[in-house]
Amino acid sequence: MIRTKSNVQINLNNAMHLLTELIENEEWHNARAWVNKIPFDSIESDEYRGTYLWAKAKCLDFLGEHRHNIS
């Protein structure tokens, strides 16, 4: 469990699965919203950090936001 940027407690495992599904279904704006909710520094698992960065990069690429920092 982690706290989102809006201080809501979520299950990180569920959030990562949802994020992956959103990307696979090309629901870019919803995926970007989840990327924005999850504070990267609170993710301790290397696997989840990788999933988060992959999802963020996919969103930025699709939404044409290349100018933003990925980490």
C-alpha atoms as a PDB file:
ATOM      1  CA  MET A   1       0.000   0.000   0.000  1.00  0.00           C
ATOM      2  CA  ILE A   2       1.162   3.502  -0.812  1.00  0.00           C
ATOM      3  CA  ARG A   3      -0.339   6.967  -0.626  1.00  0.00           C
ATOM      4  CA  THR A   4      -1.071   8.833  -3.833  1.00  0.00           C
ATOM      5  CA  LYS A   5      -0.094  12.442  -4.350  1.00  0.00           C
ATOM      6  CA  SER A   6      -3.589  13.354  -3.152  1.00  0.00           C
ATOM      7  CA  ASN A   7      -2.966  11.334   0.052  1.00  0.00           C
ATOM      8  CA  VAL A   8      -5.279   8.440  -0.851  1.00  0.00           C
ATOM      9  CA  GLN A   9      -4.041   4.996   0.114  1.00  0.00           C
ATOM     10  CA  ILE A  10      -3.929   2.489  -2.780  1.00  0.00           C
ATOM     11  CA  ASN A  11      -2.726  -1.041  -3.367  1.00  0.00           C
ATOM     12  CA  LEU A  12       0.334  -0.612  -5.578  1.00  0.00           C
ATOM     13  CA  ASN A  13      -0.010  -4.086  -7.089  1.00  0.00           C
ATOM     14  CA  ASN A  14      -3.558  -3.318  -8.249  1.00  0.00           C
ATOM     15  CA  ALA A  15      -2.553   0.130  -9.481  1.00  0.00           C
ATOM     16  CA  MET A  16       0.294  -1.290 -11.591  1.00  0.00           C
ATOM     17  CA  HIS A  17      -1.996  -3.918 -13.132  1.00  0.00           C
ATOM     18  CA  LEU A  18      -4.597  -1.258 -13.911  1.00  0.00           C
ATOM     19  CA  LEU A  19      -1.941   1.022 -15.385  1.00  0.00           C
ATOM     20  CA  THR A  20      -0.677  -1.790 -17.604  1.00  0.00           C
ATOM     21  CA  GLU A  21      -4.217  -2.564 -18.794  1.00  0.00           C
ATOM     22  CA  LEU A  22      -4.894   1.082 -19.565  1.00  0.00           C
ATOM     23  CA  ILE A  23      -1.733   1.293 -21.687  1.00  0.00           C
ATOM     24  CA  GLU A  24      -2.498  -1.968 -23.483  1.00  0.00           C
ATOM     25  CA  ASN A  25      -6.018  -0.683 -24.239  1.00  0.00           C
ATOM     26  CA  GLU A  26      -4.582   2.661 -25.389  1.00  0.00           C
ATOM     27  CA  GLU A  27      -6.537   4.611 -22.784  1.00  0.00           C
ATOM     28  CA  TRP A  28      -3.806   7.239 -22.707  1.00  0.00           C
ATOM     29  CA  HIS A  29      -5.501   9.982 -20.712  1.00  0.00           C
ATOM     30  CA  ASN A  30      -6.663   7.578 -17.997  1.00  0.00           C
ATOM     31  CA  ALA A  31      -3.207   6.012 -17.850  1.00  0.00           C
ATOM     32  CA  ARG A  32      -1.600   9.453 -17.605  1.00  0.00           C
ATOM     33  CA  ALA A  33      -3.956  10.316 -14.742  1.00  0.00           C
ATOM     34  CA  TRP A  34      -2.777   7.217 -12.852  1.00  0.00           C
ATOM     35  CA  VAL A  35       0.862   8.010 -13.594  1.00  0.00           C
ATOM     36  CA  ASN A  36       0.265  11.452 -12.100  1.00  0.00           C
ATOM     37  CA  LYS A  37      -1.374   9.977  -8.980  1.00  0.00           C
ATOM     38  CA  ILE A  38       1.457   7.637  -8.058  1.00  0.00           C
ATOM     39  CA  PRO A  39       4.544   9.221  -6.456  1.00  0.00           C
ATOM     40  CA  PHE A  40       7.565   7.528  -8.034  1.00  0.00           C
ATOM     41  CA  ASP A  41       9.641   7.892  -4.862  1.00  0.00           C
ATOM     42  CA  SER A  42       7.168   5.736  -2.934  1.00  0.00           C
ATOM     43  CA  ILE A  43       7.628   2.747  -5.269  1.00  0.00           C
ATOM     44  CA  GLU A  44      10.150   0.403  -3.677  1.00  0.00           C
ATOM     45  CA  SER A  45       9.990  -2.558  -6.066  1.00  0.00           C
ATOM     46  CA  ASP A  46      12.309  -2.420  -9.082  1.00  0.00           C
ATOM     47  CA  GLU A  47       9.659  -4.251 -11.108  1.00  0.00           C
ATOM     48  CA  TYR A  48       7.001  -1.661 -10.273  1.00  0.00           C
ATOM     49  CA  ARG A  49       9.436   1.200 -10.865  1.00  0.00           C
ATOM     50  CA  GLY A  50      10.107  -0.241 -14.310  1.00  0.00           C
ATOM     51  CA  THR A  51       6.382  -0.617 -15.016  1.00  0.00           C
ATOM     52  CA  TYR A  52       5.747   2.944 -13.868  1.00  0.00           C
ATOM     53  CA  LEU A  53       8.521   4.405 -16.042  1.00  0.00           C
ATOM     54  CA  TRP A  54       7.408   2.309 -19.043  1.00  0.00           C
ATOM     55  CA  ALA A  55       3.822   3.523 -18.620  1.00  0.00           C
ATOM     56  CA  LYS A  56       4.902   7.131 -18.185  1.00  0.00           C
ATOM     57  CA  ALA A  57       7.108   6.984 -21.278  1.00  0.00           C
ATOM     58  CA  LYS A  58       4.299   5.431 -23.351  1.00  0.00           C
ATOM     59  CA  CYS A  59       1.877   8.151 -22.239  1.00  0.00           C
ATOM     60  CA  LEU A  60       4.336  10.948 -22.900  1.00  0.00           C
ATOM     61  CA  ASP A  61       5.139   9.522 -26.321  1.00  0.00           C
ATOM     62  CA  PHE A  62       1.525   9.106 -27.351  1.00  0.00           C
ATOM     63  CA  LEU A  63       0.370  12.418 -25.940  1.00  0.00           C
ATOM     64  CA  GLY A  64       3.299  14.247 -27.534  1.00  0.00           C
ATOM     65  CA  GLU A  65       4.777  15.430 -24.280  1.00  0.00           C
ATOM     66  CA  HIS A  66       8.413  14.682 -25.049  1.00  0.00           C
ATOM     67  CA  ARG A  67       9.604  17.849 -23.373  1.00  0.00           C
ATOM     68  CA  HIS A  68       8.796  16.506 -19.890  1.00  0.00           C
ATOM     69  CA  ASN A  69      11.283  14.712 -17.683  1.00  0.00           C
ATOM     70  CA  ILE A  70      10.583  10.982 -17.392  1.00  0.00           C
ATOM     71  CA  SER A  71      11.687  10.385 -13.798  1.00  0.00           C
END
